[in-house]
Protein backbone atom coordinates (compact mmCIF):
# COMPACT_ATOMS: atom_id res chain seq x y z
CA MET A 1 88.30 203.94 126.34
CA LEU A 2 90.79 201.57 128.78
CA LYS A 3 87.88 199.83 130.38
CA LYS A 4 86.41 199.20 126.80
CA ASN A 5 89.57 198.16 125.23
CA TYR A 6 90.91 195.78 128.02
CA SER A 7 87.88 194.52 129.51
CA PHE A 8 88.17 191.01 127.30
CA LEU A 9 90.97 190.05 129.95
CA PHE A 10 88.68 190.02 132.85
CA PHE A 11 87.49 186.65 132.68
CA PRO A 12 90.80 184.96 131.36
CA VAL A 13 92.98 186.52 134.42
CA LEU A 14 89.87 185.81 136.77
CA LEU A 15 90.30 181.89 135.47
CA LEU A 16 93.60 182.07 135.75
CA LEU A 17 93.75 183.52 139.37
CA SER A 18 90.85 181.01 140.09
CA CYS A 19 92.77 178.13 138.98
CA PHE A 20 95.91 179.32 140.58
CA LEU A 21 94.14 179.66 144.15
CA LEU A 22 91.97 176.23 143.70
CA ASP A 23 95.46 174.62 142.98
CA LYS A 24 96.79 175.34 146.57
CA VAL A 25 93.96 173.14 147.80
CA PHE A 26 96.46 170.44 147.02
CA THR A 27 98.80 171.74 149.55
CA LEU A 28 96.63 171.06 152.27
CA PRO A 29 98.31 167.93 154.31
CA TRP A 30 94.38 166.15 154.51
CA ILE A 31 93.92 166.46 150.66
CA GLN A 32 97.69 165.14 150.65
CA GLU A 33 96.99 162.19 152.95
CA ASN A 34 93.86 160.89 151.75
CA PHE A 35 94.26 161.59 148.01
CA ILE A 36 97.75 161.23 146.63
CA SER A 37 98.61 157.87 146.68
CA TRP A 38 100.16 156.38 149.45
CA ASN A 39 102.90 155.03 147.51
CA ARG A 40 103.79 158.37 145.46
CA ILE A 41 107.03 158.15 147.36
CA GLU A 42 109.55 160.45 144.78
CA PRO A 43 108.40 163.73 146.37
CA VAL A 44 110.02 162.09 149.92
CA VAL A 45 112.79 161.08 147.90
CA TYR A 46 114.04 164.03 146.35
CA GLU A 47 113.51 166.20 148.99
CA SER A 48 115.74 163.71 151.40
CA ARG A 49 118.45 164.66 148.81
CA LEU A 50 118.55 168.03 149.87
CA SER A 51 118.53 167.30 153.54
CA LEU A 52 121.60 164.89 152.82
CA LEU A 53 123.43 167.89 151.46
CA ASP A 54 122.40 169.98 154.74
CA ASP A 55 123.76 167.36 156.68
CA LEU A 56 127.33 167.41 154.62
CA LEU A 57 127.28 171.22 155.31
CA LYS A 58 127.01 170.31 158.86
CA SER A 59 129.29 167.52 159.04
CA PRO A 60 132.50 167.62 161.14
CA ASP A 61 134.23 165.97 158.33
CA LEU A 62 133.40 168.88 155.73
CA ASP A 63 136.47 170.90 157.14
CA LYS A 64 138.69 167.58 156.67
CA ILE A 65 137.49 166.94 153.43
CA LYS A 66 137.99 170.77 152.29
CA SER A 67 141.91 170.76 153.97
CA GLY A 68 142.28 167.35 151.93
CA GLU A 69 142.49 165.44 154.95
CA LYS A 70 139.75 163.31 154.08
CA LYS A 71 138.72 161.99 150.61
CA LEU A 72 134.72 162.83 149.41
CA VAL A 73 133.50 160.34 147.10
CA VAL A 74 129.99 160.99 145.69
CA ILE A 75 127.50 158.59 143.88
CA PHE A 76 125.11 160.39 141.48
CA GLY A 77 122.87 157.84 140.03
CA SER A 78 118.81 156.48 139.73
CA SER A 79 117.29 154.18 142.22
CA ARG A 80 119.20 151.31 140.88
CA ALA A 81 122.34 152.90 142.15
CA ALA A 82 120.91 153.76 145.42
CA SER A 83 122.11 150.31 147.43
CA ILE A 84 125.79 150.55 146.24
CA GLU A 85 127.34 149.70 149.51
CA ASN A 86 129.01 153.04 150.87
CA ARG A 87 130.64 151.55 154.06
CA LYS A 88 132.23 148.99 151.92
CA ILE A 89 133.88 151.44 149.79
CA GLU A 90 134.91 153.44 153.16
CA GLU A 91 136.72 150.35 154.39
CA LEU A 92 139.43 150.70 151.32
CA ASP A 93 140.85 154.01 153.07
CA ASP A 94 139.97 155.54 156.41
CA ARG A 95 140.56 159.02 154.55
CA LEU A 96 137.22 157.95 152.44
CA VAL A 97 133.67 159.77 152.82
CA VAL A 98 131.20 158.22 150.39
CA TYR A 99 127.78 159.90 150.15
CA ASN A 100 124.91 158.68 148.07
CA PHE A 101 122.78 160.97 146.04
CA CYS A 102 120.46 158.54 143.90
CA VAL A 103 117.03 158.95 143.75
CA PRO A 104 114.08 157.75 141.11
CA PHE A 105 114.50 158.51 137.47
CA PRO A 106 116.50 161.98 137.44
CA GLY A 107 118.16 162.36 134.30
CA ILE A 108 121.52 163.85 133.78
CA SER A 109 120.26 167.34 134.31
CA TYR A 110 119.67 166.43 137.79
CA PHE A 111 123.10 165.48 138.21
CA TYR A 112 124.44 168.21 137.18
CA TYR A 113 122.00 170.27 139.44
CA LEU A 114 123.61 169.07 142.49
CA LEU A 115 127.25 169.01 140.98
CA SER A 116 126.35 173.10 140.75
CA LEU A 117 125.13 172.77 144.49
CA PHE A 118 128.62 171.26 145.54
CA GLN A 119 130.43 173.74 143.48
CA ASN A 120 128.29 176.71 144.83
CA GLN A 121 129.16 175.71 148.24
CA ASN A 122 133.06 175.33 147.47
CA ILE A 123 132.72 171.31 148.32
CA PRO A 124 135.61 169.39 146.47
CA ILE A 125 134.76 166.18 145.09
CA THR A 126 137.77 163.62 145.15
CA THR A 127 135.66 160.89 143.05
CA LEU A 128 132.42 161.45 141.18
CA VAL A 129 130.71 157.98 140.16
CA LEU A 130 128.10 159.08 137.72
CA GLU A 131 125.12 156.58 136.31
CA VAL A 132 124.37 157.08 132.69
CA ASP A 133 122.09 154.57 130.37
CA PRO A 134 119.40 155.18 127.59
CA PHE A 135 116.83 155.44 129.79
CA LEU A 136 118.33 158.21 131.85
CA LEU A 137 119.10 159.99 128.57
CA SER A 138 115.46 159.64 127.04
CA LEU A 139 112.54 162.26 126.71
CA SER A 140 110.83 160.64 129.58
CA GLY A 141 113.94 160.26 131.78
CA HIS A 142 113.59 163.46 133.75
CA GLN A 143 110.45 164.34 134.70
CA TYR A 144 110.30 163.99 138.25
CA PRO A 145 113.09 166.62 139.14
CA ASP A 146 111.09 169.07 136.95
CA MET A 147 108.35 168.56 139.79
CA TYR A 148 110.48 167.79 142.78
CA SER A 149 113.75 169.41 142.47
CA TYR A 150 116.03 172.27 140.71
CA ASP A 151 115.42 176.16 141.23
CA ILE A 152 114.40 178.67 138.67
CA PRO A 153 117.67 180.54 138.68
CA PHE A 154 119.51 177.30 137.46
CA TYR A 155 116.68 176.36 135.23
CA PHE A 156 116.71 179.52 133.39
CA LYS A 157 120.81 179.70 133.50
CA HIS A 158 120.37 176.57 132.06
CA SER A 159 117.95 177.04 129.03
CA ASP A 160 117.98 177.50 125.54
CA LEU A 161 114.56 178.97 124.96
CA TRP A 162 114.75 179.10 121.59
CA TRP A 163 116.52 176.07 120.81
CA GLU A 164 114.40 173.70 118.18
CA GLY A 165 116.46 170.39 118.22
CA GLN A 166 118.86 168.47 116.32
CA TYR A 167 117.99 165.68 114.22
CA ASP A 168 120.70 163.80 115.62
CA PRO A 169 120.73 164.57 119.75
CA TRP A 170 124.21 163.90 120.36
CA LYS A 171 125.60 166.73 117.83
CA SER A 172 123.37 169.16 120.24
CA GLU A 173 125.36 172.00 121.70
CA GLY A 174 123.87 174.79 124.30
CA LYS A 175 123.28 175.56 127.75
CA GLY A 176 120.54 172.73 128.27
CA PHE A 177 116.90 173.06 128.52
CA SER A 178 114.82 174.03 125.84
CA GLY A 179 111.69 176.35 125.69
CA THR A 180 109.24 173.95 125.72
CA GLU A 181 110.88 171.96 129.01
CA PHE A 182 111.30 175.47 130.59
CA LEU A 183 107.55 176.02 130.42
CA ASN A 184 107.07 172.15 131.35
CA TYR A 185 109.21 173.08 134.48
CA PHE A 186 107.39 176.35 135.16
CA PHE A 187 103.72 174.65 135.28
CA ARG A 188 105.13 171.59 137.19
CA ARG A 189 106.69 173.50 139.79
CA ASN A 190 104.01 176.04 140.52
CA PHE A 191 100.95 173.91 140.14
CA TYR A 192 100.89 171.12 142.82
CA VAL A 193 98.22 169.33 140.81
CA PHE A 194 101.06 168.21 138.54
CA ARG A 195 103.33 167.40 141.10
CA TYR A 196 101.15 165.55 143.42
CA PRO A 197 98.22 163.86 141.22
CA PHE A 198 95.06 163.82 142.94
CA ALA A 199 92.80 160.56 142.70
CA VAL A 200 89.57 159.92 144.40
CA LYS A 201 90.12 156.38 144.39
CA ALA A 202 93.39 156.63 146.09
CA TYR A 203 91.03 157.70 149.46
CA SER A 204 90.03 154.07 149.82
CA GLU A 205 93.34 152.53 149.55
CA ASN A 206 94.91 155.11 151.43
CA ASN A 207 92.71 154.05 154.39
CA SER A 208 92.92 150.58 153.89
CA PHE A 209 94.78 148.75 156.65
CA ILE A 210 98.27 146.87 156.59
CA ASP A 211 100.02 144.67 159.06
CA VAL A 212 103.27 146.11 159.85
CA VAL A 213 106.10 145.39 162.69
CA TRP A 214 105.80 148.49 165.23
CA LYS A 215 108.26 148.26 168.28
CA GLY A 216 108.14 144.55 168.06
CA GLU A 217 104.90 144.18 167.64
CA VAL A 218 102.65 143.37 164.67
CA GLN A 219 100.41 146.09 164.32
CA LYS A 220 97.73 147.47 161.59
CA LYS A 221 98.40 150.73 159.97
CA LYS A 222 96.88 152.71 157.52
CA LYS A 223 98.52 152.66 154.23
CA LYS A 224 98.55 156.47 154.33
CA TYR A 225 101.13 156.63 157.38
CA LEU A 226 103.63 154.48 155.22
CA ARG A 227 104.90 157.37 153.11
CA GLU A 228 105.71 159.36 156.69
CA ASN A 229 107.45 156.12 157.87
CA TYR A 230 109.49 156.02 154.71
CA GLN A 231 110.35 159.69 154.97
CA ASN A 232 111.60 159.10 158.58
CA LEU A 233 113.59 156.09 157.43
CA LEU A 234 115.23 158.30 154.56
CA MET A 235 116.38 160.78 157.21
CA ASP A 236 117.67 158.25 159.38
CA ILE A 237 119.42 156.57 156.21
CA ASN A 238 121.00 160.09 155.81
CA ARG A 239 122.02 160.29 159.68
CA THR A 240 123.36 156.82 159.62
CA ASN A 241 124.58 155.66 156.29
CA ARG A 242 124.91 158.95 154.05
CA GLY A 243 122.02 158.21 151.76
CA GLY A 244 122.87 154.56 150.69
CA LEU A 245 120.13 152.57 151.11
CA VAL A 246 120.55 149.05 152.62
CA ASN A 247 118.54 146.52 150.31
CA LEU A 248 117.70 143.84 152.30
CA SER A 249 114.83 142.54 149.98
CA GLN A 250 114.92 139.06 148.80
CA GLU A 251 112.13 139.68 146.10
CA ALA A 252 113.84 138.02 142.70
CA LYS A 253 110.67 137.63 140.13
CA THR A 254 109.97 134.88 137.81
CA ASP A 255 111.01 134.84 134.23
CA SER A 256 107.75 135.28 133.35
CA GLU A 257 107.25 138.33 135.22
CA LEU A 258 110.46 139.83 134.34
CA SER A 259 109.23 139.51 130.55
CA LEU A 260 105.69 141.25 131.19
CA ASP A 261 107.94 143.95 133.39
CA ALA A 262 110.40 144.34 130.16
CA GLU A 263 107.40 144.92 127.91
CA LEU A 264 105.82 147.82 130.17
CA LYS A 265 109.23 149.59 130.55
CA PHE A 266 110.13 149.32 127.20
CA GLN A 267 106.81 150.65 126.03
CA ARG A 268 107.00 153.37 128.69
CA TYR A 269 110.70 154.80 128.46
CA ILE A 270 112.04 153.48 124.67
CA GLY A 271 109.32 152.40 122.26
CA ARG A 272 110.52 151.06 118.78
CA HIS A 273 111.64 154.74 117.86
CA TYR A 274 114.32 155.83 120.45
CA ARG A 275 115.31 159.00 120.56
CA GLU A 276 117.32 160.49 123.27
CA SER A 277 116.46 164.07 124.64
CA ASP A 278 119.08 166.91 123.23
CA SER A 279 118.98 168.70 126.68
CA GLN A 280 120.15 165.64 128.58
CA ILE A 281 122.74 164.83 125.76
CA LYS A 282 123.77 168.64 126.51
CA PHE A 283 124.02 168.17 130.43
CA LEU A 284 125.94 164.82 129.43
CA LYS A 285 128.66 166.79 127.11
CA LYS A 286 129.11 168.94 130.35
CA PHE A 287 129.73 166.51 132.30
CA ILE A 288 132.57 164.90 130.08
CA ASP A 289 133.69 168.57 129.98
CA TYR A 290 133.82 168.10 133.84
CA SER A 291 135.85 164.88 133.56
CA GLY A 292 138.25 166.58 131.34
CA GLU A 293 139.05 169.34 133.53
CA ASN A 294 139.19 167.01 136.57
CA SER A 295 141.41 164.14 134.99
CA ASP A 296 140.70 160.40 136.82
CA ARG A 297 138.14 161.80 139.00
CA VAL A 298 135.00 160.84 137.30
CA LEU A 299 133.64 157.23 136.73
CA PHE A 300 130.88 156.77 134.30
CA ILE A 301 128.74 153.70 135.00
CA THR A 302 125.76 151.69 133.56
CA LEU A 303 124.17 149.66 135.96
CA PRO A 304 122.61 145.90 134.96
CA ILE A 305 119.16 145.19 133.57
CA SER A 306 117.53 141.97 133.35
CA ASP A 307 118.14 139.61 130.26
CA GLN A 308 114.33 140.28 129.06
CA LEU A 309 114.72 144.00 129.20
CA LYS A 310 117.92 143.59 127.31
CA LYS A 311 116.00 141.66 124.77
CA LYS A 312 113.56 144.57 124.20
CA LEU A 313 115.94 146.82 123.78
CA LEU A 314 117.47 145.10 120.73
CA LYS A 315 114.77 146.17 119.00
CA ALA A 316 115.50 149.96 119.23
CA GLU A 317 119.12 148.83 118.30
CA ILE A 318 120.45 149.49 121.75
CA ASP A 319 122.78 146.50 122.43
CA ASP A 320 125.06 146.21 125.71
CA SER A 321 127.73 148.71 124.08
CA TYR A 322 125.43 151.40 123.36
CA ILE A 323 126.54 154.17 125.55
CA GLU A 324 130.61 153.18 124.88
CA LYS A 325 129.66 153.77 120.87
CA LYS A 326 128.05 157.00 121.70
CA PHE A 327 131.13 158.35 123.67
CA ARG A 328 133.36 157.09 120.92
CA SER A 329 131.46 158.68 118.37
CA LEU A 330 131.74 162.19 120.30
CA LYS A 331 135.45 162.09 120.01
CA VAL A 332 136.43 163.04 123.03
CA ARG A 333 140.03 164.00 123.39
CA THR A 334 140.44 163.20 127.12
CA LYS A 335 140.62 159.95 128.80
CA MET A 336 136.88 158.84 129.95
CA ASN A 337 136.47 156.20 132.41
CA TYR A 338 133.76 153.92 132.09
CA LEU A 339 132.45 150.54 133.64
CA ASN A 340 129.79 148.78 131.91
CA TYR A 341 128.04 145.99 133.94
CA LEU A 342 125.97 144.78 131.10
CA GLU A 343 129.03 143.62 129.56
CA ILE A 344 130.40 141.62 132.60
CA PRO A 345 128.92 138.20 133.42
CA MET A 346 127.74 138.65 137.36
CA HIS A 347 127.60 135.64 139.23
CA CYS A 348 124.18 137.11 140.82
CA ASN A 349 121.76 137.47 138.58
CA LYS A 350 118.34 137.84 140.16
CA PHE A 351 116.16 140.91 139.69
CA GLU A 352 113.07 142.39 141.35
CA ASP A 353 111.77 144.07 137.96
CA GLY A 354 113.62 144.81 134.76
CA PHE A 355 115.72 147.78 136.28
CA HIS A 356 116.44 146.70 139.89
CA LEU A 357 118.73 144.04 141.18
CA ASP A 358 117.60 141.82 144.24
CA GLY A 359 118.92 142.92 147.39
CA SER A 360 121.38 140.08 147.70
CA CYS A 361 123.24 141.56 144.70
CA TYR A 362 124.51 144.95 145.70
CA SER A 363 127.76 143.04 147.39
CA GLU A 364 128.64 142.40 144.28
CA VAL A 365 127.56 145.65 142.52
CA THR A 366 130.14 147.26 144.96
CA ASP A 367 132.66 145.19 144.98
CA LEU A 368 133.07 145.41 140.94
CA LEU A 369 132.97 149.08 141.32
CA ILE A 370 135.69 149.15 143.83
CA SER A 371 137.65 147.07 141.57
CA LYS A 372 137.44 149.66 138.92
CA LEU A 373 138.19 152.39 141.04
CA LYS A 374 141.57 150.61 142.17
CA ASN A 375 142.39 150.03 138.65
CA LEU A 376 142.17 153.25 137.58
CA ASN A 377 143.45 154.34 140.83
CA ILE A 378 140.86 157.05 141.40
CA LEU A 379 140.99 157.13 144.98
CA ASN A 380 144.30 157.95 145.77
CA ASN A 381 144.17 161.03 143.31
C-alpha cells in the first residue's frame, strides 16, 4: 500500500538529488578556473572581509580596543568607499584604528550582518561610517551577499517569512527579509550554479594570455590566474592596510563614455519606476535605532556619482537630497549625522564609471570625511 501511495515521489526526489549532486561539479577547482569568468571577483572580495574580521580578532590591538586604550573606526560601504584612506584618518590620533569592510553592492542588510558579527564577538566600535544611497536600497542592490555571505541562523532570525510588502517601503516594519528572499537565499547559497555562473565561452577567455609585471619583469600569464593574484592582493591589503584599497588608477572616462555607462546603470538598478526594497529599509531602520542608542557614534554618508548618472536619476525623481528627505520623513527623534557628498562641489570630479571616482580623487573624499568627523566630535567620544 505504501509503495502504491508514495511511488509518485520517487522520480521528483531522484531528480532533485541528481541536480544537487550535479551542482557539486561546479565546486571542482578545474571547473572554476576554466569556466567561471576570470573577472568574477565578488566571491573573493566577500571572503576577504571575513578574513579581515579574523585578522582583527587576532590583532594585538583588540585588547586595547576593548579596554578603551584604542578607538576602533569601522567603514561599512560598497566598492565606492573601499578606497577611503584608512591611514590618513589614523593620523588624526595615534589611538585610532581604522578597518574598511567595503564590498561590491552589499545592500544595507550585509552591513547589519557585519555589525552582528562584531556584537557577537563583543568588539566595541567607537565610530561607524555607513554608506547609504538609492542603489544600496534598491531591489537589486543586495544579491551578492545572498551568494557569498550571511549564514543561515542570521538570515532565519531576520526574516519575516509571511511578509507581503508595503505600498510604501519606507513604512515597512519587521525583522528584515521576506519569505521570497529567504527562498532565493537558500538556493543561491546551497547551489553553486547560482554562486558561480558556468559559461562555456569563459574557457577561451580565461586561457588567453595577458602581459603582467611579475618580479620586475613583463611576463605572459593566463587570465584565469589573475583572480588568484587578486585574492593574494586582498589578503596582503588586509594585513597592511586593514582592508582599505589603495586606488592608484588614473582611468578617468570621457563624457560620452560616462553617458553610456549612466544609461546602463540606470536601467539595471533604478529604472523609471524606482522602488526601494522593503527588507533594506527595515535594516536601515535598525541602523537608525543603533545610531540612537549610540549617540554621535554613527555617520551616514552618500558618496559622489557622475553628473551623467545624476541626470538619469532625476527621471526617477531621485535628486541629490533624496536620502536626506527620506530620513526626515521617518521623523527620527534622535540626532542623525549625515554627510552628503552629492551636495558638495568637489575639486576632483573625475570618474572611472558612473559609480567610481578616479583614484586621484580619494584624498579629497577622505579629507571631507575627516572634516565632518571633526565637526561632529565623533572621534573623541
